[in-house]
PDB file of all heavy atoms in Angstrom:
ATOM      1  N   ASN A   1     -16.741  52.493 -16.260  1.00  0.00           N
ATOM      2  CA  ASN A   1     -17.547  51.432 -16.848  1.00  0.00           C
ATOM      3  C   ASN A   1     -17.561  51.486 -18.376  1.00  0.00           C
ATOM      4  O   ASN A   1     -18.441  50.924 -19.017  1.00  0.00           O
ATOM      5  CB  ASN A   1     -18.983  51.468 -16.300  1.00  0.00           C
ATOM      6  CG  ASN A   1     -19.635  50.095 -16.277  1.00  0.00           C
ATOM      7  OD1 ASN A   1     -18.984  49.086 -16.024  1.00  0.00           O
ATOM      8  ND2 ASN A   1     -20.925  50.054 -16.542  1.00  0.00           N
ATOM      9  N   GLY A   2     -16.583  52.158 -18.964  1.00  0.00           N
ATOM     10  CA  GLY A   2     -16.480  52.198 -20.414  1.00  0.00           C
ATOM     11  C   GLY A   2     -15.850  50.941 -20.968  1.00  0.00           C
ATOM     12  O   GLY A   2     -15.063  50.266 -20.298  1.00  0.00           O
ATOM     13  N   SER A   3     -16.156  50.629 -22.214  1.00  0.00           N
ATOM     14  CA  SER A   3     -15.701  49.363 -22.794  1.00  0.00           C
ATOM     15  C   SER A   3     -14.191  49.295 -22.969  1.00  0.00           C
ATOM     16  O   SER A   3     -13.628  48.205 -23.067  1.00  0.00           O
ATOM     17  CB  SER A   3     -16.384  49.131 -24.142  1.00  0.00           C
ATOM     18  OG  SER A   3     -16.060  50.169 -25.051  1.00  0.00           O
ATOM     19  N   THR A   4     -13.510  50.439 -23.039  1.00  0.00           N
ATOM     20  CA  THR A   4     -12.053  50.441 -23.190  1.00  0.00           C
ATOM     21  C   THR A   4     -11.333  51.056 -21.999  1.00  0.00           C
ATOM     22  O   THR A   4     -10.132  51.293 -22.064  1.00  0.00           O
ATOM     23  CB  THR A   4     -11.653  51.211 -24.467  1.00  0.00           C
ATOM     24  OG1 THR A   4     -12.200  52.538 -24.411  1.00  0.00           O
ATOM     25  CG2 THR A   4     -12.158  50.502 -25.710  1.00  0.00           C
ATOM     26  N   HIS A   5     -12.043  51.309 -20.919  1.00  0.00           N
ATOM     27  CA  HIS A   5     -11.393  51.884 -19.743  1.00  0.00           C
ATOM     28  C   HIS A   5     -10.482  50.850 -19.088  1.00  0.00           C
ATOM     29  O   HIS A   5     -10.804  49.657 -19.043  1.00  0.00           O
ATOM     30  CB  HIS A   5     -12.437  52.367 -18.732  1.00  0.00           C
ATOM     31  CG  HIS A   5     -13.228  53.538 -19.209  1.00  0.00           C
ATOM     32  ND1 HIS A   5     -14.230  54.123 -18.468  1.00  0.00           N
ATOM     33  CD2 HIS A   5     -13.166  54.241 -20.381  1.00  0.00           C
ATOM     34  CE1 HIS A   5     -14.750  55.135 -19.132  1.00  0.00           C
ATOM     35  NE2 HIS A   5     -14.123  55.226 -20.305  1.00  0.00           N
ATOM     36  N   ASN A   6      -9.349  51.303 -18.596  1.00  0.00           N
ATOM     37  CA  ASN A   6      -8.408  50.396 -17.952  1.00  0.00           C
ATOM     38  C   ASN A   6      -7.462  51.183 -17.061  1.00  0.00           C
ATOM     39  O   ASN A   6      -7.265  52.389 -17.250  1.00  0.00           O
ATOM     40  CB  ASN A   6      -7.619  49.599 -18.991  1.00  0.00           C
ATOM     41  CG  ASN A   6      -6.742  50.470 -19.856  1.00  0.00           C
ATOM     42  OD1 ASN A   6      -5.579  50.708 -19.547  1.00  0.00           O
ATOM     43  ND2 ASN A   6      -7.285  50.967 -20.969  1.00  0.00           N
ATOM     44  N   ALA A   7      -6.869  50.500 -16.093  1.00  0.00           N
ATOM     45  CA  ALA A   7      -5.859  51.092 -15.216  1.00  0.00           C
ATOM     46  C   ALA A   7      -5.067  49.965 -14.579  1.00  0.00           C
ATOM     47  O   ALA A   7      -5.651  49.001 -14.065  1.00  0.00           O
ATOM     48  CB  ALA A   7      -6.513  51.959 -14.130  1.00  0.00           C
ATOM     49  N   SER A   8      -3.743  50.070 -14.621  1.00  0.00           N
ATOM     50  CA  SER A   8      -2.914  49.002 -14.066  1.00  0.00           C
ATOM     51  C   SER A   8      -1.532  49.525 -13.716  1.00  0.00           C
ATOM     52  O   SER A   8      -1.146  50.624 -14.126  1.00  0.00           O
ATOM     53  CB  SER A   8      -2.797  47.838 -15.057  1.00  0.00           C
ATOM     54  OG  SER A   8      -2.247  48.280 -16.277  1.00  0.00           O
ATOM     55  N   ALA A   9      -0.809  48.726 -12.962  1.00  0.00           N
ATOM     56  CA  ALA A   9       0.564  49.052 -12.569  1.00  0.00           C
ATOM     57  C   ALA A   9       1.429  47.819 -12.744  1.00  0.00           C
ATOM     58  O   ALA A   9       0.932  46.688 -12.730  1.00  0.00           O
ATOM     59  CB  ALA A   9       0.609  49.535 -11.125  1.00  0.00           C
ATOM     60  N   ALA A  10       2.730  48.039 -12.909  1.00  0.00           N
ATOM     61  CA  ALA A  10       3.669  46.927 -13.035  1.00  0.00           C
ATOM     62  C   ALA A  10       4.985  47.287 -12.358  1.00  0.00           C
ATOM     63  O   ALA A  10       5.348  48.466 -12.257  1.00  0.00           O
ATOM     64  CB  ALA A  10       3.916  46.590 -14.502  1.00  0.00           C
ATOM     65  N   LEU A  11       5.665  46.273 -11.886  1.00  0.00           N
ATOM     66  CA  LEU A  11       6.946  46.438 -11.193  1.00  0.00           C
ATOM     67  C   LEU A  11       8.002  45.596 -11.889  1.00  0.00           C
ATOM     68  O   LEU A  11       7.806  44.397 -12.107  1.00  0.00           O
ATOM     69  CB  LEU A  11       6.813  46.002  -9.735  1.00  0.00           C
ATOM     70  CG  LEU A  11       8.086  46.003  -8.895  1.00  0.00           C
ATOM     71  CD1 LEU A  11       8.545  47.440  -8.619  1.00  0.00           C
ATOM     72  CD2 LEU A  11       7.861  45.262  -7.580  1.00  0.00           C
ATOM     73  N   LEU A  12       9.117  46.208 -12.233  1.00  0.00           N
ATOM     74  CA  LEU A  12      10.276  45.517 -12.805  1.00  0.00           C
ATOM     75  C   LEU A  12      11.403  45.533 -11.789  1.00  0.00           C
ATOM     76  O   LEU A  12      11.786  46.592 -11.288  1.00  0.00           O
ATOM     77  CB  LEU A  12      10.737  46.210 -14.088  1.00  0.00           C
ATOM     78  CG  LEU A  12      12.143  45.863 -14.583  1.00  0.00           C
ATOM     79  CD1 LEU A  12      12.233  44.396 -15.006  1.00  0.00           C
ATOM     80  CD2 LEU A  12      12.555  46.783 -15.730  1.00  0.00           C
ATOM     81  N   LEU A  13      11.927  44.368 -11.473  1.00  0.00           N
ATOM     82  CA  LEU A  13      13.095  44.234 -10.600  1.00  0.00           C
ATOM     83  C   LEU A  13      14.214  43.538 -11.372  1.00  0.00           C
ATOM     84  O   LEU A  13      14.002  42.469 -11.955  1.00  0.00           O
ATOM     85  CB  LEU A  13      12.757  43.413  -9.356  1.00  0.00           C
ATOM     86  CG  LEU A  13      11.719  44.007  -8.400  1.00  0.00           C
ATOM     87  CD1 LEU A  13      11.343  42.992  -7.330  1.00  0.00           C
ATOM     88  CD2 LEU A  13      12.222  45.292  -7.769  1.00  0.00           C
ATOM     89  N   VAL A  14      15.378  44.149 -11.401  1.00  0.00           N
ATOM     90  CA  VAL A  14      16.578  43.522 -11.957  1.00  0.00           C
ATOM     91  C   VAL A  14      17.502  43.225 -10.786  1.00  0.00           C
ATOM     92  O   VAL A  14      17.714  44.083  -9.920  1.00  0.00           O
ATOM     93  CB  VAL A  14      17.278  44.439 -12.973  1.00  0.00           C
ATOM     94  CG1 VAL A  14      18.517  43.754 -13.544  1.00  0.00           C
ATOM     95  CG2 VAL A  14      16.317  44.833 -14.095  1.00  0.00           C
ATOM     96  N   TYR A  15      18.014  42.007 -10.734  1.00  0.00           N
ATOM     97  CA  TYR A  15      18.817  41.590  -9.590  1.00  0.00           C
ATOM     98  C   TYR A  15      20.058  40.854 -10.055  1.00  0.00           C
ATOM     99  O   TYR A  15      20.117  40.337 -11.185  1.00  0.00           O
ATOM    100  CB  TYR A  15      17.998  40.709  -8.638  1.00  0.00           C
ATOM    101  CG  TYR A  15      17.335  39.518  -9.307  1.00  0.00           C
ATOM    102  CD1 TYR A  15      17.991  38.297  -9.418  1.00  0.00           C
ATOM    103  CD2 TYR A  15      16.047  39.621  -9.834  1.00  0.00           C
ATOM    104  CE1 TYR A  15      17.393  37.212 -10.024  1.00  0.00           C
ATOM    105  CE2 TYR A  15      15.439  38.548 -10.453  1.00  0.00           C
ATOM    106  CZ  TYR A  15      16.116  37.338 -10.543  1.00  0.00           C
ATOM    107  OH  TYR A  15      15.520  36.259 -11.161  1.00  0.00           O
ATOM    108  N   GLY A  16      21.077  40.830  -9.194  1.00  0.00           N
ATOM    109  CA  GLY A  16      22.326  40.170  -9.529  1.00  0.00           C
ATOM    110  C   GLY A  16      22.746  39.200  -8.442  1.00  0.00           C
ATOM    111  O   GLY A  16      22.504  39.431  -7.255  1.00  0.00           O
ATOM    112  N   ASP A  17      23.384  38.108  -8.872  1.00  0.00           N
ATOM    113  CA  ASP A  17      23.862  37.103  -7.925  1.00  0.00           C
ATOM    114  C   ASP A  17      24.931  36.247  -8.607  1.00  0.00           C
ATOM    115  O   ASP A  17      24.814  35.945  -9.802  1.00  0.00           O
ATOM    116  CB  ASP A  17      22.700  36.210  -7.459  1.00  0.00           C
ATOM    117  CG  ASP A  17      23.102  35.325  -6.298  1.00  0.00           C
ATOM    118  OD1 ASP A  17      23.129  35.830  -5.149  1.00  0.00           O
ATOM    119  OD2 ASP A  17      23.395  34.136  -6.530  1.00  0.00           O
ATOM    120  N   PRO A  18      26.004  35.846  -7.870  1.00  0.00           N
ATOM    121  CA  PRO A  18      27.065  35.028  -8.472  1.00  0.00           C
ATOM    122  C   PRO A  18      26.577  33.696  -9.019  1.00  0.00           C
ATOM    123  O   PRO A  18      27.234  33.100  -9.881  1.00  0.00           O
ATOM    124  CB  PRO A  18      28.049  34.820  -7.315  1.00  0.00           C
ATOM    125  CG  PRO A  18      27.810  35.985  -6.410  1.00  0.00           C
ATOM    126  CD  PRO A  18      26.347  36.260  -6.492  1.00  0.00           C
ATOM    127  N   SER A  19      25.433  33.215  -8.551  1.00  0.00           N
ATOM    128  CA  SER A  19      24.916  31.931  -9.015  1.00  0.00           C
ATOM    129  C   SER A  19      24.276  32.004 -10.396  1.00  0.00           C
ATOM    130  O   SER A  19      24.011  30.967 -11.019  1.00  0.00           O
ATOM    131  CB  SER A  19      23.880  31.401  -8.020  1.00  0.00           C
ATOM    132  OG  SER A  19      22.737  32.246  -7.983  1.00  0.00           O
ATOM    133  N   LEU A  20      24.034  33.193 -10.892  1.00  0.00           N
ATOM    134  CA  LEU A  20      23.363  33.369 -12.175  1.00  0.00           C
ATOM    135  C   LEU A  20      24.353  33.270 -13.338  1.00  0.00           C
ATOM    136  O   LEU A  20      25.534  33.567 -13.186  1.00  0.00           O
ATOM    137  CB  LEU A  20      22.664  34.720 -12.216  1.00  0.00           C
ATOM    138  CG  LEU A  20      21.583  34.950 -11.176  1.00  0.00           C
ATOM    139  CD1 LEU A  20      21.127  36.410 -11.187  1.00  0.00           C
ATOM    140  CD2 LEU A  20      20.393  34.020 -11.400  1.00  0.00           C
ATOM    141  N   ASP A  21      23.848  32.870 -14.502  1.00  0.00           N
ATOM    142  CA  ASP A  21      24.672  32.854 -15.708  1.00  0.00           C
ATOM    143  C   ASP A  21      24.909  34.286 -16.188  1.00  0.00           C
ATOM    144  O   ASP A  21      24.058  35.156 -16.010  1.00  0.00           O
ATOM    145  CB  ASP A  21      23.971  32.071 -16.820  1.00  0.00           C
ATOM    146  CG  ASP A  21      23.884  30.584 -16.519  1.00  0.00           C
ATOM    147  OD1 ASP A  21      24.769  30.076 -15.798  1.00  0.00           O
ATOM    148  OD2 ASP A  21      22.917  29.959 -17.000  1.00  0.00           O
ATOM    149  N   PRO A  22      26.043  34.547 -16.828  1.00  0.00           N
ATOM    150  CA  PRO A  22      26.269  35.868 -17.416  1.00  0.00           C
ATOM    151  C   PRO A  22      25.251  36.148 -18.529  1.00  0.00           C
ATOM    152  O   PRO A  22      24.979  35.273 -19.354  1.00  0.00           O
ATOM    153  CB  PRO A  22      27.684  35.770 -17.989  1.00  0.00           C
ATOM    154  CG  PRO A  22      28.308  34.621 -17.284  1.00  0.00           C
ATOM    155  CD  PRO A  22      27.198  33.651 -17.001  1.00  0.00           C
ATOM    156  N   ARG A  23      24.717  37.322 -18.517  1.00  0.00           N
ATOM    157  CA  ARG A  23      23.742  37.684 -19.549  1.00  0.00           C
ATOM    158  C   ARG A  23      23.571  39.192 -19.590  1.00  0.00           C
ATOM    159  O   ARG A  23      24.065  39.921 -18.733  1.00  0.00           O
ATOM    160  CB  ARG A  23      22.380  37.022 -19.309  1.00  0.00           C
ATOM    161  CG  ARG A  23      21.702  37.423 -17.993  1.00  0.00           C
ATOM    162  CD  ARG A  23      20.284  36.872 -17.932  1.00  0.00           C
ATOM    163  NE  ARG A  23      20.225  35.450 -18.112  1.00  0.00           N
ATOM    164  CZ  ARG A  23      20.324  34.551 -17.123  1.00  0.00           C
ATOM    165  NH1 ARG A  23      20.502  34.961 -15.885  1.00  0.00           N
ATOM    166  NH2 ARG A  23      20.256  33.271 -17.379  1.00  0.00           N
ATOM    167  N   ARG A  24      22.848  39.644 -20.578  1.00  0.00           N
ATOM    168  CA  ARG A  24      22.445  41.040 -20.698  1.00  0.00           C
ATOM    169  C   ARG A  24      20.924  41.108 -20.642  1.00  0.00           C
ATOM    170  O   ARG A  24      20.242  40.433 -21.399  1.00  0.00           O
ATOM    171  CB  ARG A  24      22.947  41.639 -22.016  1.00  0.00           C
ATOM    172  CG  ARG A  24      22.584  43.105 -22.237  1.00  0.00           C
ATOM    173  CD  ARG A  24      23.207  43.611 -23.530  1.00  0.00           C
ATOM    174  NE  ARG A  24      22.968  45.026 -23.739  1.00  0.00           N
ATOM    175  CZ  ARG A  24      21.934  45.521 -24.443  1.00  0.00           C
ATOM    176  NH1 ARG A  24      21.062  44.685 -24.992  1.00  0.00           N
ATOM    177  NH2 ARG A  24      21.794  46.812 -24.594  1.00  0.00           N
ATOM    178  N   VAL A  25      20.402  41.893 -19.746  1.00  0.00           N
ATOM    179  CA  VAL A  25      18.964  42.118 -19.633  1.00  0.00           C
ATOM    180  C   VAL A  25      18.665  43.492 -20.224  1.00  0.00           C
ATOM    181  O   VAL A  25      19.268  44.490 -19.817  1.00  0.00           O
ATOM    182  CB  VAL A  25      18.493  42.061 -18.167  1.00  0.00           C
ATOM    183  CG1 VAL A  25      17.031  42.470 -18.053  1.00  0.00           C
ATOM    184  CG2 VAL A  25      18.687  40.662 -17.593  1.00  0.00           C
ATOM    185  N   ALA A  26      17.766  43.535 -21.190  1.00  0.00           N
ATOM    186  CA  ALA A  26      17.402  44.800 -21.833  1.00  0.00           C
ATOM    187  C   ALA A  26      15.914  45.050 -21.653  1.00  0.00           C
ATOM    188  O   ALA A  26      15.095  44.148 -21.837  1.00  0.00           O
ATOM    189  CB  ALA A  26      17.753  44.761 -23.315  1.00  0.00           C
ATOM    190  N   ALA A  27      15.555  46.277 -21.287  1.00  0.00           N
ATOM    191  CA  ALA A  27      14.158  46.649 -21.074  1.00  0.00           C
ATOM    192  C   ALA A  27      13.686  47.552 -22.203  1.00  0.00           C
ATOM    193  O   ALA A  27      14.321  48.551 -22.522  1.00  0.00           O
ATOM    194  CB  ALA A  27      13.994  47.365 -19.735  1.00  0.00           C
ATOM    195  N   PHE A  28      12.563  47.173 -22.796  1.00  0.00           N
ATOM    196  CA  PHE A  28      11.929  47.958 -23.855  1.00  0.00           C
ATOM    197  C   PHE A  28      10.520  48.320 -23.393  1.00  0.00           C
ATOM    198  O   PHE A  28       9.847  47.511 -22.752  1.00  0.00           O
ATOM    199  CB  PHE A  28      11.814  47.146 -25.152  1.00  0.00           C
ATOM    200  CG  PHE A  28      13.113  46.834 -25.820  1.00  0.00           C
ATOM    201  CD1 PHE A  28      13.980  45.881 -25.288  1.00  0.00           C
ATOM    202  CD2 PHE A  28      13.477  47.463 -26.997  1.00  0.00           C
ATOM    203  CE1 PHE A  28      15.181  45.581 -25.919  1.00  0.00           C
ATOM    204  CE2 PHE A  28      14.668  47.169 -27.632  1.00  0.00           C
ATOM    205  CZ  PHE A  28      15.525  46.231 -27.096  1.00  0.00           C
ATOM    206  N   ASP A  29      10.059  49.522 -23.727  1.00  0.00           N
ATOM    207  CA  ASP A  29       8.667  49.841 -23.469  1.00  0.00           C
ATOM    208  C   ASP A  29       8.167  50.870 -24.472  1.00  0.00           C
ATOM    209  O   ASP A  29       8.924  51.425 -25.267  1.00  0.00           O
ATOM    210  CB  ASP A  29       8.434  50.293 -22.021  1.00  0.00           C
ATOM    211  CG  ASP A  29       9.143  51.583 -21.650  1.00  0.00           C
ATOM    212  OD1 ASP A  29       9.308  52.455 -22.515  1.00  0.00           O
ATOM    213  OD2 ASP A  29       9.534  51.726 -20.475  1.00  0.00           O
ATOM    214  N   GLY A  30       6.862  51.100 -24.446  1.00  0.00           N
ATOM    215  CA  GLY A  30       6.229  52.046 -25.331  1.00  0.00           C
ATOM    216  C   GLY A  30       4.735  52.061 -25.100  1.00  0.00           C
ATOM    217  O   GLY A  30       4.250  51.501 -24.112  1.00  0.00           O
ATOM    218  N   ASN A  31       3.995  52.683 -25.985  1.00  0.00           N
ATOM    219  CA  ASN A  31       2.544  52.819 -25.822  1.00  0.00           C
ATOM    220  C   ASN A  31       1.906  52.728 -27.200  1.00  0.00           C
ATOM    221  O   ASN A  31       2.068  53.627 -28.025  1.00  0.00           O
ATOM    222  CB  ASN A  31       2.230  54.165 -25.158  1.00  0.00           C
ATOM    223  CG  ASN A  31       0.766  54.320 -24.799  1.00  0.00           C
ATOM    224  OD1 ASN A  31      -0.056  53.473 -25.113  1.00  0.00           O
ATOM    225  ND2 ASN A  31       0.438  55.416 -24.154  1.00  0.00           N
ATOM    226  N   ILE A  32       1.187  51.648 -27.451  1.00  0.00           N
ATOM    227  CA  ILE A  32       0.678  51.361 -28.785  1.00  0.00           C
ATOM    228  C   ILE A  32      -0.816  51.058 -28.717  1.00  0.00           C
ATOM    229  O   ILE A  32      -1.254  50.269 -27.881  1.00  0.00           O
ATOM    230  CB  ILE A  32       1.408  50.164 -29.417  1.00  0.00           C
ATOM    231  CG1 ILE A  32       2.914  50.431 -29.506  1.00  0.00           C
ATOM    232  CG2 ILE A  32       0.845  49.840 -30.788  1.00  0.00           C
ATOM    233  CD1 ILE A  32       3.703  49.232 -29.960  1.00  0.00           C
ATOM    234  N   ASP A  33      -1.604  51.675 -29.608  1.00  0.00           N
ATOM    235  CA  ASP A  33      -3.009  51.319 -29.801  1.00  0.00           C
ATOM    236  C   ASP A  33      -3.105  50.312 -30.939  1.00  0.00           C
ATOM    237  O   ASP A  33      -2.460  50.483 -31.974  1.00  0.00           O
ATOM    238  CB  ASP A  33      -3.841  52.545 -30.188  1.00  0.00           C
ATOM    239  CG  ASP A  33      -4.008  53.523 -29.048  1.00  0.00           C
ATOM    240  OD1 ASP A  33      -3.861  53.102 -27.897  1.00  0.00           O
ATOM    241  OD2 ASP A  33      -4.289  54.703 -29.330  1.00  0.00           O
ATOM    242  N   LEU A  34      -3.947  49.292 -30.763  1.00  0.00           N
ATOM    243  CA  LEU A  34      -4.134  48.296 -31.811  1.00  0.00           C
ATOM    244  C   LEU A  34      -5.618  48.026 -32.008  1.00  0.00           C
ATOM    245  O   LEU A  34      -6.363  47.891 -31.039  1.00  0.00           O
ATOM    246  CB  LEU A  34      -3.441  46.981 -31.442  1.00  0.00           C
ATOM    247  CG  LEU A  34      -1.918  47.012 -31.274  1.00  0.00           C
ATOM    248  CD1 LEU A  34      -1.424  45.670 -30.761  1.00  0.00           C
ATOM    249  CD2 LEU A  34      -1.245  47.352 -32.593  1.00  0.00           C
ATOM    250  N   PHE A  35      -6.038  47.947 -33.270  1.00  0.00           N
ATOM    251  CA  PHE A  35      -7.392  47.522 -33.604  1.00  0.00           C
ATOM    252  C   PHE A  35      -7.356  46.801 -34.941  1.00  0.00           C
ATOM    253  O   PHE A  35      -7.171  47.415 -35.991  1.00  0.00           O
ATOM    254  CB  PHE A  35      -8.355  48.711 -33.677  1.00  0.00           C
ATOM    255  CG  PHE A  35      -9.753  48.311 -34.083  1.00  0.00           C
ATOM    256  CD1 PHE A  35     -10.564  47.620 -33.193  1.00  0.00           C
ATOM    257  CD2 PHE A  35     -10.227  48.606 -35.347  1.00  0.00           C
ATOM    258  CE1 PHE A  35     -11.845  47.231 -33.565  1.00  0.00           C
ATOM    259  CE2 PHE A  35     -11.509  48.219 -35.733  1.00  0.00           C
ATOM    260  CZ  PHE A  35     -12.322  47.536 -34.830  1.00  0.00           C
ATOM    261  N   ASN A  36      -7.489  45.485 -34.879  1.00  0.00           N
ATOM    262  CA  ASN A  36      -7.466  44.661 -36.094  1.00  0.00           C
ATOM    263  C   ASN A  36      -6.240  44.943 -36.956  1.00  0.00           C
ATOM    264  O   ASN A  36      -6.320  44.969 -38.193  1.00  0.00           O
ATOM    265  CB  ASN A  36      -8.734  44.875 -36.924  1.00  0.00           C
ATOM    266  CG  ASN A  36      -9.960  44.315 -36.248  1.00  0.00           C
ATOM    267  OD1 ASN A  36      -9.858  43.440 -35.401  1.00  0.00           O
ATOM    268  ND2 ASN A  36     -11.124  44.828 -36.610  1.00  0.00           N
ATOM    269  N   THR A  37      -5.123  45.183 -36.288  1.00  0.00           N
ATOM    270  CA  THR A  37      -3.893  45.477 -37.017  1.00  0.00           C
ATOM    271  C   THR A  37      -2.745  44.703 -36.394  1.00  0.00           C
ATOM    272  O   THR A  37      -2.840  44.197 -35.268  1.00  0.00           O
ATOM    273  CB  THR A  37      -3.561  46.981 -36.980  1.00  0.00           C
ATOM    274  OG1 THR A  37      -3.495  47.408 -35.622  1.00  0.00           O
ATOM    275  CG2 THR A  37      -4.610  47.792 -37.704  1.00  0.00           C
ATOM    276  N   LEU A  38      -1.647  44.636 -37.111  1.00  0.00           N
ATOM    277  CA  LEU A  38      -0.436  43.988 -36.629  1.00  0.00           C
ATOM    278  C   LEU A  38       0.656  45.027 -36.531  1.00  0.00           C
ATOM    279  O   LEU A  38       0.908  45.788 -37.469  1.00  0.00           O
ATOM    280  CB  LEU A  38      -0.002  42.874 -37.589  1.00  0.00           C
ATOM    281  CG  LEU A  38       1.333  42.187 -37.272  1.00  0.00           C
ATOM    282  CD1 LEU A  38       1.224  41.404 -35.971  1.00  0.00           C
ATOM    283  CD2 LEU A  38       1.727  41.273 -38.421  1.00  0.00           C
TER     284      LEU A  38
END
């Protein structure tokens, strides 16, 4: 019940099929704290 408490999950699926256009999919991630900043 804290004001900044949080918990979550996410799922990334990359898939291929002949019907799709050629492309490059790139995955980026990290862990950043922000407070009134850019």
